[in-house]
Full PDB file with SEQRES, HELIX, SHEET, SSBOND, CRYST1, ORIGX, SCALE, CONECT and MASTER records, all heavy atoms in Angstrom:
SEQRES   1 A   36  ASN GLY THR GLU GLY ASP LEU VAL ILE THR ALA PRO ILE          
SEQRES   2 A   36  GLY HIS LEU GLN LEU SER PRO VAL THR LEU GLU GLY GLY          
SEQRES   3 A   36  ARG GLY THR SER THR GLY LEU ALA PRO LEU                      
SHEET    1 AA1 2 GLY A   5  THR A  10  0                                        
SHEET    2 AA1 2 THR A  22  ARG A  27 -1                                        
CRYST1    1.000    1.000    1.000  90.00  90.00  90.00 P 1           1          
ORIGX1      1.000000  0.000000  0.000000        0.00000                         
ORIGX2      0.000000  1.000000  0.000000        0.00000                         
ORIGX3      0.000000  0.000000  1.000000        0.00000                         
SCALE1      1.000000  0.000000  0.000000        0.00000                         
SCALE2      0.000000  1.000000  0.000000        0.00000                         
SCALE3      0.000000  0.000000  1.000000        0.00000                         
ATOM      1  N   ASN A   1     -66.732  59.283 -51.229  1.00  0.00           N  
ATOM      2  CA  ASN A   1     -66.795  58.406 -52.393  1.00  0.00           C  
ATOM      3  C   ASN A   1     -68.202  58.424 -52.975  1.00  0.00           C  
ATOM      4  O   ASN A   1     -69.181  58.239 -52.261  1.00  0.00           O  
ATOM      5  CB  ASN A   1     -66.417  56.975 -52.017  1.00  0.00           C  
ATOM      6  CG  ASN A   1     -65.115  56.911 -51.226  1.00  0.00           C  
ATOM      7  OD1 ASN A   1     -65.106  56.494 -50.084  1.00  0.00           O  
ATOM      8  ND2 ASN A   1     -64.025  57.365 -51.826  1.00  0.00           N  
ATOM      9  N   GLY A   2     -68.294  58.648 -54.296  1.00  0.00           N  
ATOM     10  CA  GLY A   2     -69.590  58.714 -54.945  1.00  0.00           C  
ATOM     11  C   GLY A   2     -69.647  57.914 -56.229  1.00  0.00           C  
ATOM     12  O   GLY A   2     -68.670  57.273 -56.633  1.00  0.00           O  
ATOM     13  N   THR A   3     -70.787  57.965 -56.884  1.00  0.00           N  
ATOM     14  CA  THR A   3     -70.990  57.193 -58.103  1.00  0.00           C  
ATOM     15  C   THR A   3     -70.182  57.728 -59.277  1.00  0.00           C  
ATOM     16  O   THR A   3     -69.916  56.992 -60.232  1.00  0.00           O  
ATOM     17  CB  THR A   3     -72.482  57.197 -58.487  1.00  0.00           C  
ATOM     18  OG1 THR A   3     -72.920  58.563 -58.609  1.00  0.00           O  
ATOM     19  CG2 THR A   3     -73.315  56.471 -57.449  1.00  0.00           C  
ATOM     20  N   GLU A   4     -69.778  59.002 -59.222  1.00  0.00           N  
ATOM     21  CA  GLU A   4     -69.070  59.609 -60.340  1.00  0.00           C  
ATOM     22  C   GLU A   4     -67.643  60.028 -60.017  1.00  0.00           C  
ATOM     23  O   GLU A   4     -66.875  60.352 -60.922  1.00  0.00           O  
ATOM     24  CB  GLU A   4     -69.840  60.843 -60.835  1.00  0.00           C  
ATOM     25  CG  GLU A   4     -71.266  60.560 -61.269  1.00  0.00           C  
ATOM     26  CD  GLU A   4     -71.326  59.643 -62.473  1.00  0.00           C  
ATOM     27  OE1 GLU A   4     -70.384  59.680 -63.293  1.00  0.00           O  
ATOM     28  OE2 GLU A   4     -72.306  58.882 -62.593  1.00  0.00           O  
ATOM     29  N   GLY A   5     -67.288  60.051 -58.730  1.00  0.00           N  
ATOM     30  CA  GLY A   5     -65.951  60.517 -58.394  1.00  0.00           C  
ATOM     31  C   GLY A   5     -65.661  60.430 -56.908  1.00  0.00           C  
ATOM     32  O   GLY A   5     -66.469  59.921 -56.112  1.00  0.00           O  
ATOM     33  N   ASP A   6     -64.485  60.938 -56.539  1.00  0.00           N  
ATOM     34  CA  ASP A   6     -64.023  60.896 -55.154  1.00  0.00           C  
ATOM     35  C   ASP A   6     -63.386  62.233 -54.790  1.00  0.00           C  
ATOM     36  O   ASP A   6     -62.723  62.875 -55.619  1.00  0.00           O  
ATOM     37  CB  ASP A   6     -62.979  59.794 -54.950  1.00  0.00           C  
ATOM     38  CG  ASP A   6     -63.476  58.431 -55.386  1.00  0.00           C  
ATOM     39  OD1 ASP A   6     -64.260  57.831 -54.636  1.00  0.00           O  
ATOM     40  OD2 ASP A   6     -63.075  57.976 -56.477  1.00  0.00           O  
ATOM     41  N   LEU A   7     -63.556  62.617 -53.536  1.00  0.00           N  
ATOM     42  CA  LEU A   7     -62.844  63.749 -52.954  1.00  0.00           C  
ATOM     43  C   LEU A   7     -62.069  63.237 -51.747  1.00  0.00           C  
ATOM     44  O   LEU A   7     -62.574  62.402 -50.989  1.00  0.00           O  
ATOM     45  CB  LEU A   7     -63.807  64.850 -52.511  1.00  0.00           C  
ATOM     46  CG  LEU A   7     -64.496  65.658 -53.609  1.00  0.00           C  
ATOM     47  CD1 LEU A   7     -65.563  66.558 -52.991  1.00  0.00           C  
ATOM     48  CD2 LEU A   7     -63.477  66.498 -54.385  1.00  0.00           C  
ATOM     49  N   VAL A   8     -60.849  63.744 -51.570  1.00  0.00           N  
ATOM     50  CA  VAL A   8     -60.020  63.327 -50.446  1.00  0.00           C  
ATOM     51  C   VAL A   8     -59.408  64.566 -49.808  1.00  0.00           C  
ATOM     52  O   VAL A   8     -58.802  65.401 -50.499  1.00  0.00           O  
ATOM     53  CB  VAL A   8     -58.907  62.355 -50.883  1.00  0.00           C  
ATOM     54  CG1 VAL A   8     -58.009  62.011 -49.700  1.00  0.00           C  
ATOM     55  CG2 VAL A   8     -59.508  61.084 -51.475  1.00  0.00           C  
ATOM     56  N   ILE A   9     -59.574  64.676 -48.494  1.00  0.00           N  
ATOM     57  CA  ILE A   9     -58.951  65.755 -47.727  1.00  0.00           C  
ATOM     58  C   ILE A   9     -57.957  65.118 -46.772  1.00  0.00           C  
ATOM     59  O   ILE A   9     -58.298  64.208 -46.015  1.00  0.00           O  
ATOM     60  CB  ILE A   9     -60.005  66.561 -46.947  1.00  0.00           C  
ATOM     61  CG1 ILE A   9     -60.938  67.277 -47.916  1.00  0.00           C  
ATOM     62  CG2 ILE A   9     -59.338  67.577 -46.018  1.00  0.00           C  
ATOM     63  CD1 ILE A   9     -62.091  67.998 -47.238  1.00  0.00           C  
ATOM     64  N   THR A  10     -56.715  65.593 -46.807  1.00  0.00           N  
ATOM     65  CA  THR A  10     -55.681  65.083 -45.917  1.00  0.00           C  
ATOM     66  C   THR A  10     -55.046  66.228 -45.145  1.00  0.00           C  
ATOM     67  O   THR A  10     -55.132  67.395 -45.546  1.00  0.00           O  
ATOM     68  CB  THR A  10     -54.587  64.330 -46.695  1.00  0.00           C  
ATOM     69  OG1 THR A  10     -54.063  65.187 -47.730  1.00  0.00           O  
ATOM     70  CG2 THR A  10     -55.130  63.058 -47.329  1.00  0.00           C  
ATOM     71  N   ALA A  11     -54.397  65.878 -44.033  1.00  0.00           N  
ATOM     72  CA  ALA A  11     -53.736  66.868 -43.198  1.00  0.00           C  
ATOM     73  C   ALA A  11     -52.645  66.174 -42.390  1.00  0.00           C  
ATOM     74  O   ALA A  11     -52.711  64.966 -42.158  1.00  0.00           O  
ATOM     75  CB  ALA A  11     -54.735  67.551 -42.261  1.00  0.00           C  
ATOM     76  N   PRO A  12     -51.637  66.911 -41.936  1.00  0.00           N  
ATOM     77  CA  PRO A  12     -50.539  66.286 -41.184  1.00  0.00           C  
ATOM     78  C   PRO A  12     -50.922  65.862 -39.775  1.00  0.00           C  
ATOM     79  O   PRO A  12     -50.246  65.037 -39.173  1.00  0.00           O  
ATOM     80  CB  PRO A  12     -49.463  67.382 -41.159  1.00  0.00           C  
ATOM     81  CG  PRO A  12     -50.207  68.657 -41.358  1.00  0.00           C  
ATOM     82  CD  PRO A  12     -51.357  68.323 -42.253  1.00  0.00           C  
ATOM     83  N   ILE A  13     -51.997  66.438 -39.217  1.00  0.00           N  
ATOM     84  CA  ILE A  13     -52.488  66.031 -37.911  1.00  0.00           C  
ATOM     85  C   ILE A  13     -54.005  65.894 -37.982  1.00  0.00           C  
ATOM     86  O   ILE A  13     -54.630  66.359 -38.930  1.00  0.00           O  
ATOM     87  CB  ILE A  13     -52.101  67.032 -36.801  1.00  0.00           C  
ATOM     88  CG1 ILE A  13     -52.646  68.440 -37.125  1.00  0.00           C  
ATOM     89  CG2 ILE A  13     -50.600  67.066 -36.600  1.00  0.00           C  
ATOM     90  CD1 ILE A  13     -52.400  69.441 -36.022  1.00  0.00           C  
ATOM     91  N   GLY A  14     -54.585  65.267 -36.970  1.00  0.00           N  
ATOM     92  CA  GLY A  14     -56.000  64.965 -37.023  1.00  0.00           C  
ATOM     93  C   GLY A  14     -56.927  66.066 -36.579  1.00  0.00           C  
ATOM     94  O   GLY A  14     -58.133  65.837 -36.469  1.00  0.00           O  
ATOM     95  N   HIS A  15     -56.404  67.249 -36.322  1.00  0.00           N  
ATOM     96  CA  HIS A  15     -57.228  68.379 -35.904  1.00  0.00           C  
ATOM     97  C   HIS A  15     -57.588  69.201 -37.132  1.00  0.00           C  
ATOM     98  O   HIS A  15     -56.887  70.147 -37.505  1.00  0.00           O  
ATOM     99  CB  HIS A  15     -56.489  69.222 -34.859  1.00  0.00           C  
ATOM    100  CG  HIS A  15     -56.291  68.522 -33.557  1.00  0.00           C  
ATOM    101  ND1 HIS A  15     -57.024  68.829 -32.436  1.00  0.00           N  
ATOM    102  CD2 HIS A  15     -55.467  67.508 -33.209  1.00  0.00           C  
ATOM    103  CE1 HIS A  15     -56.642  68.038 -31.435  1.00  0.00           C  
ATOM    104  NE2 HIS A  15     -55.697  67.229 -31.882  1.00  0.00           N  
ATOM    105  N   LEU A  16     -58.708  68.868 -37.740  1.00  0.00           N  
ATOM    106  CA  LEU A  16     -59.128  69.531 -38.969  1.00  0.00           C  
ATOM    107  C   LEU A  16     -59.280  71.026 -38.781  1.00  0.00           C  
ATOM    108  O   LEU A  16     -59.080  71.808 -39.719  1.00  0.00           O  
ATOM    109  CB  LEU A  16     -60.448  68.914 -39.443  1.00  0.00           C  
ATOM    110  CG  LEU A  16     -61.047  69.425 -40.752  1.00  0.00           C  
ATOM    111  CD1 LEU A  16     -60.108  69.178 -41.922  1.00  0.00           C  
ATOM    112  CD2 LEU A  16     -62.399  68.760 -40.999  1.00  0.00           C  
ATOM    113  N   GLN A  17     -59.620  71.455 -37.571  1.00  0.00           N  
ATOM    114  CA  GLN A  17     -59.899  72.856 -37.297  1.00  0.00           C  
ATOM    115  C   GLN A  17     -58.656  73.740 -37.269  1.00  0.00           C  
ATOM    116  O   GLN A  17     -58.760  74.959 -37.349  1.00  0.00           O  
ATOM    117  CB  GLN A  17     -60.646  72.993 -35.954  1.00  0.00           C  
ATOM    118  CG  GLN A  17     -59.796  72.806 -34.702  1.00  0.00           C  
ATOM    119  CD  GLN A  17     -59.518  71.363 -34.342  1.00  0.00           C  
ATOM    120  OE1 GLN A  17     -59.812  70.451 -35.112  1.00  0.00           O  
ATOM    121  NE2 GLN A  17     -58.974  71.132 -33.172  1.00  0.00           N  
ATOM    122  N   LEU A  18     -57.476  73.156 -37.150  1.00  0.00           N  
ATOM    123  CA  LEU A  18     -56.274  73.986 -37.034  1.00  0.00           C  
ATOM    124  C   LEU A  18     -55.116  73.520 -37.903  1.00  0.00           C  
ATOM    125  O   LEU A  18     -54.026  74.098 -37.865  1.00  0.00           O  
ATOM    126  CB  LEU A  18     -55.820  74.059 -35.569  1.00  0.00           C  
ATOM    127  CG  LEU A  18     -55.485  72.753 -34.846  1.00  0.00           C  
ATOM    128  CD1 LEU A  18     -54.069  72.294 -35.124  1.00  0.00           C  
ATOM    129  CD2 LEU A  18     -55.686  72.931 -33.341  1.00  0.00           C  
ATOM    130  N   SER A  19     -55.362  72.512 -38.722  1.00  0.00           N  
ATOM    131  CA  SER A  19     -54.288  71.936 -39.528  1.00  0.00           C  
ATOM    132  C   SER A  19     -54.332  72.447 -40.962  1.00  0.00           C  
ATOM    133  O   SER A  19     -55.407  72.732 -41.490  1.00  0.00           O  
ATOM    134  CB  SER A  19     -54.422  70.416 -39.553  1.00  0.00           C  
ATOM    135  OG  SER A  19     -53.389  69.825 -40.306  1.00  0.00           O  
ATOM    136  N   PRO A  20     -53.172  72.582 -41.612  1.00  0.00           N  
ATOM    137  CA  PRO A  20     -53.199  72.843 -43.054  1.00  0.00           C  
ATOM    138  C   PRO A  20     -53.780  71.638 -43.774  1.00  0.00           C  
ATOM    139  O   PRO A  20     -53.423  70.494 -43.473  1.00  0.00           O  
ATOM    140  CB  PRO A  20     -51.718  73.047 -43.410  1.00  0.00           C  
ATOM    141  CG  PRO A  20     -50.956  72.374 -42.332  1.00  0.00           C  
ATOM    142  CD  PRO A  20     -51.793  72.482 -41.088  1.00  0.00           C  
ATOM    143  N   VAL A  21     -54.709  71.867 -44.690  1.00  0.00           N  
ATOM    144  CA  VAL A  21     -55.387  70.755 -45.362  1.00  0.00           C  
ATOM    145  C   VAL A  21     -55.084  70.761 -46.852  1.00  0.00           C  
ATOM    146  O   VAL A  21     -54.821  71.807 -47.443  1.00  0.00           O  
ATOM    147  CB  VAL A  21     -56.910  70.801 -45.141  1.00  0.00           C  
ATOM    148  CG1 VAL A  21     -57.234  70.719 -43.663  1.00  0.00           C  
ATOM    149  CG2 VAL A  21     -57.515  72.047 -45.740  1.00  0.00           C  
ATOM    150  N   THR A  22     -55.128  69.575 -47.430  1.00  0.00           N  
ATOM    151  CA  THR A  22     -54.936  69.389 -48.863  1.00  0.00           C  
ATOM    152  C   THR A  22     -56.195  68.746 -49.434  1.00  0.00           C  
ATOM    153  O   THR A  22     -56.677  67.739 -48.901  1.00  0.00           O  
ATOM    154  CB  THR A  22     -53.721  68.483 -49.137  1.00  0.00           C  
ATOM    155  OG1 THR A  22     -52.545  69.109 -48.616  1.00  0.00           O  
ATOM    156  CG2 THR A  22     -53.541  68.268 -50.636  1.00  0.00           C  
ATOM    157  N   LEU A  23     -56.711  69.319 -50.514  1.00  0.00           N  
ATOM    158  CA  LEU A  23     -57.912  68.803 -51.158  1.00  0.00           C  
ATOM    159  C   LEU A  23     -57.542  68.216 -52.512  1.00  0.00           C  
ATOM    160  O   LEU A  23     -56.882  68.870 -53.334  1.00  0.00           O  
ATOM    161  CB  LEU A  23     -58.939  69.924 -51.330  1.00  0.00           C  
ATOM    162  CG  LEU A  23     -60.241  69.571 -52.074  1.00  0.00           C  
ATOM    163  CD1 LEU A  23     -61.026  68.515 -51.316  1.00  0.00           C  
ATOM    164  CD2 LEU A  23     -61.077  70.834 -52.274  1.00  0.00           C  
ATOM    165  N   GLU A  24     -57.942  66.970 -52.740  1.00  0.00           N  
ATOM    166  CA  GLU A  24     -57.700  66.292 -54.016  1.00  0.00           C  
ATOM    167  C   GLU A  24     -59.005  65.671 -54.504  1.00  0.00           C  
ATOM    168  O   GLU A  24     -59.919  65.415 -53.719  1.00  0.00           O  
ATOM    169  CB  GLU A  24     -56.631  65.212 -53.863  1.00  0.00           C  
ATOM    170  CG  GLU A  24     -55.265  65.729 -53.441  1.00  0.00           C  
ATOM    171  CD  GLU A  24     -54.298  64.583 -53.216  1.00  0.00           C  
ATOM    172  OE1 GLU A  24     -54.530  63.804 -52.266  1.00  0.00           O  
ATOM    173  OE2 GLU A  24     -53.322  64.457 -53.994  1.00  0.00           O  
ATOM    174  N   GLY A  25     -59.051  65.407 -55.813  1.00  0.00           N  
ATOM    175  CA  GLY A  25     -60.244  64.786 -56.353  1.00  0.00           C  
ATOM    176  C   GLY A  25     -59.976  64.077 -57.661  1.00  0.00           C  
ATOM    177  O   GLY A  25     -58.947  64.275 -58.315  1.00  0.00           O  
ATOM    178  N   GLY A  26     -60.910  63.228 -58.027  1.00  0.00           N  
ATOM    179  CA  GLY A  26     -60.861  62.540 -59.307  1.00  0.00           C  
ATOM    180  C   GLY A  26     -62.270  62.103 -59.671  1.00  0.00           C  
ATOM    181  O   GLY A  26     -63.061  61.759 -58.793  1.00  0.00           O  
ATOM    182  N   ARG A  27     -62.569  62.145 -60.949  1.00  0.00           N  
ATOM    183  CA  ARG A  27     -63.928  61.765 -61.360  1.00  0.00           C  
ATOM    184  C   ARG A  27     -63.919  61.272 -62.796  1.00  0.00           C  
ATOM    185  O   ARG A  27     -62.919  61.398 -63.513  1.00  0.00           O  
ATOM    186  CB  ARG A  27     -64.888  62.940 -61.202  1.00  0.00           C  
ATOM    187  CG  ARG A  27     -64.594  64.122 -62.101  1.00  0.00           C  
ATOM    188  CD  ARG A  27     -65.399  65.367 -61.674  1.00  0.00           C  
ATOM    189  NE  ARG A  27     -66.822  65.121 -61.576  1.00  0.00           N  
ATOM    190  CZ  ARG A  27     -67.692  65.357 -62.556  1.00  0.00           C  
ATOM    191  NH1 ARG A  27     -67.266  65.838 -63.726  1.00  0.00           N  
ATOM    192  NH2 ARG A  27     -68.968  65.119 -62.392  1.00  0.00           N  
ATOM    193  N   GLY A  28     -65.046  60.694 -63.217  1.00  0.00           N  
ATOM    194  CA  GLY A  28     -65.182  60.249 -64.596  1.00  0.00           C  
ATOM    195  C   GLY A  28     -64.191  59.151 -64.934  1.00  0.00           C  
ATOM    196  O   GLY A  28     -64.053  58.161 -64.217  1.00  0.00           O  
ATOM    197  N   THR A  29     -63.453  59.340 -66.010  1.00  0.00           N  
ATOM    198  CA  THR A  29     -62.505  58.326 -66.474  1.00  0.00           C  
ATOM    199  C   THR A  29     -61.161  58.388 -65.771  1.00  0.00           C  
ATOM    200  O   THR A  29     -60.301  57.534 -65.989  1.00  0.00           O  
ATOM    201  CB  THR A  29     -62.277  58.477 -67.992  1.00  0.00           C  
ATOM    202  OG1 THR A  29     -61.762  59.794 -68.255  1.00  0.00           O  
ATOM    203  CG2 THR A  29     -63.580  58.263 -68.755  1.00  0.00           C  
ATOM    204  N   SER A  30     -60.950  59.393 -64.915  1.00  0.00           N  
ATOM    205  CA  SER A  30     -59.691  59.513 -64.181  1.00  0.00           C  
ATOM    206  C   SER A  30     -59.501  58.319 -63.258  1.00  0.00           C  
ATOM    207  O   SER A  30     -60.436  57.880 -62.583  1.00  0.00           O  
ATOM    208  CB  SER A  30     -59.678  60.806 -63.362  1.00  0.00           C  
ATOM    209  OG  SER A  30     -58.565  60.837 -62.498  1.00  0.00           O  
ATOM    210  N   THR A  31     -58.283  57.781 -63.216  1.00  0.00           N  
ATOM    211  CA  THR A  31     -58.005  56.634 -62.359  1.00  0.00           C  
ATOM    212  C   THR A  31     -57.232  57.011 -61.104  1.00  0.00           C  
ATOM    213  O   THR A  31     -56.858  56.147 -60.313  1.00  0.00           O  
ATOM    214  CB  THR A  31     -57.195  55.579 -63.136  1.00  0.00           C  
ATOM    215  OG1 THR A  31     -55.977  56.177 -63.605  1.00  0.00           O  
ATOM    216  CG2 THR A  31     -57.998  55.033 -64.307  1.00  0.00           C  
ATOM    217  N   GLY A  32     -56.978  58.291 -60.920  1.00  0.00           N  
ATOM    218  CA  GLY A  32     -56.229  58.737 -59.745  1.00  0.00           C  
ATOM    219  C   GLY A  32     -56.755  60.067 -59.237  1.00  0.00           C  
ATOM    220  O   GLY A  32     -57.749  60.607 -59.738  1.00  0.00           O  
ATOM    221  N   LEU A  33     -56.068  60.596 -58.230  1.00  0.00           N  
ATOM    222  CA  LEU A  33     -56.428  61.878 -57.645  1.00  0.00           C  
ATOM    223  C   LEU A  33     -55.516  62.973 -58.171  1.00  0.00           C  
ATOM    224  O   LEU A  33     -54.354  62.727 -58.493  1.00  0.00           O  
ATOM    225  CB  LEU A  33     -56.297  61.815 -56.113  1.00  0.00           C  
ATOM    226  CG  LEU A  33     -57.199  60.826 -55.381  1.00  0.00           C  
ATOM    227  CD1 LEU A  33     -56.778  60.727 -53.910  1.00  0.00           C  
ATOM    228  CD2 LEU A  33     -58.656  61.258 -55.478  1.00  0.00           C  
ATOM    229  N   ALA A  34     -56.035  64.173 -58.226  1.00  0.00           N  
ATOM    230  CA  ALA A  34     -55.256  65.343 -58.618  1.00  0.00           C  
ATOM    231  C   ALA A  34     -55.564  66.476 -57.645  1.00  0.00           C  
ATOM    232  O   ALA A  34     -56.678  66.570 -57.118  1.00  0.00           O  
ATOM    233  CB  ALA A  34     -55.604  65.772 -60.046  1.00  0.00           C  
ATOM    234  N   PRO A  35     -54.585  67.345 -57.373  1.00  0.00           N  
ATOM    235  CA  PRO A  35     -54.838  68.465 -56.458  1.00  0.00           C  
ATOM    236  C   PRO A  35     -55.959  69.363 -56.979  1.00  0.00           C  
ATOM    237  O   PRO A  35     -56.067  69.609 -58.186  1.00  0.00           O  
ATOM    238  CB  PRO A  35     -53.497  69.212 -56.441  1.00  0.00           C  
ATOM    239  CG  PRO A  35     -52.480  68.201 -56.874  1.00  0.00           C  
ATOM    240  CD  PRO A  35     -53.183  67.316 -57.854  1.00  0.00           C  
ATOM    241  N   LEU A  36     -56.792  69.831 -56.082  1.00  0.00           N  
ATOM    242  CA  LEU A  36     -57.854  70.771 -56.406  1.00  0.00           C  
ATOM    243  C   LEU A  36     -57.552  72.086 -55.706  1.00  0.00           C  
ATOM    244  O   LEU A  36     -57.485  72.145 -54.478  1.00  0.00           O  
ATOM    245  CB  LEU A  36     -59.217  70.235 -55.957  1.00  0.00           C  
ATOM    246  CG  LEU A  36     -59.701  68.964 -56.647  1.00  0.00           C  
ATOM    247  CD1 LEU A  36     -61.020  68.495 -56.026  1.00  0.00           C  
ATOM    248  CD2 LEU A  36     -59.879  69.191 -58.144  1.00  0.00           C  
TER     249      LEU A  36                                                      
MASTER        0    0    0    0    2    0    0    6  248    1    0    3          
END                                                                             
């Protein structure tokens, strides 16, 4: 979380090193997240 936007990484399990990950973000006037 930052002053201009947010990045979110999610995964189906808590092992970041071996799990498929999803990256989303939103910034500026955006009020939600979008896939990156």
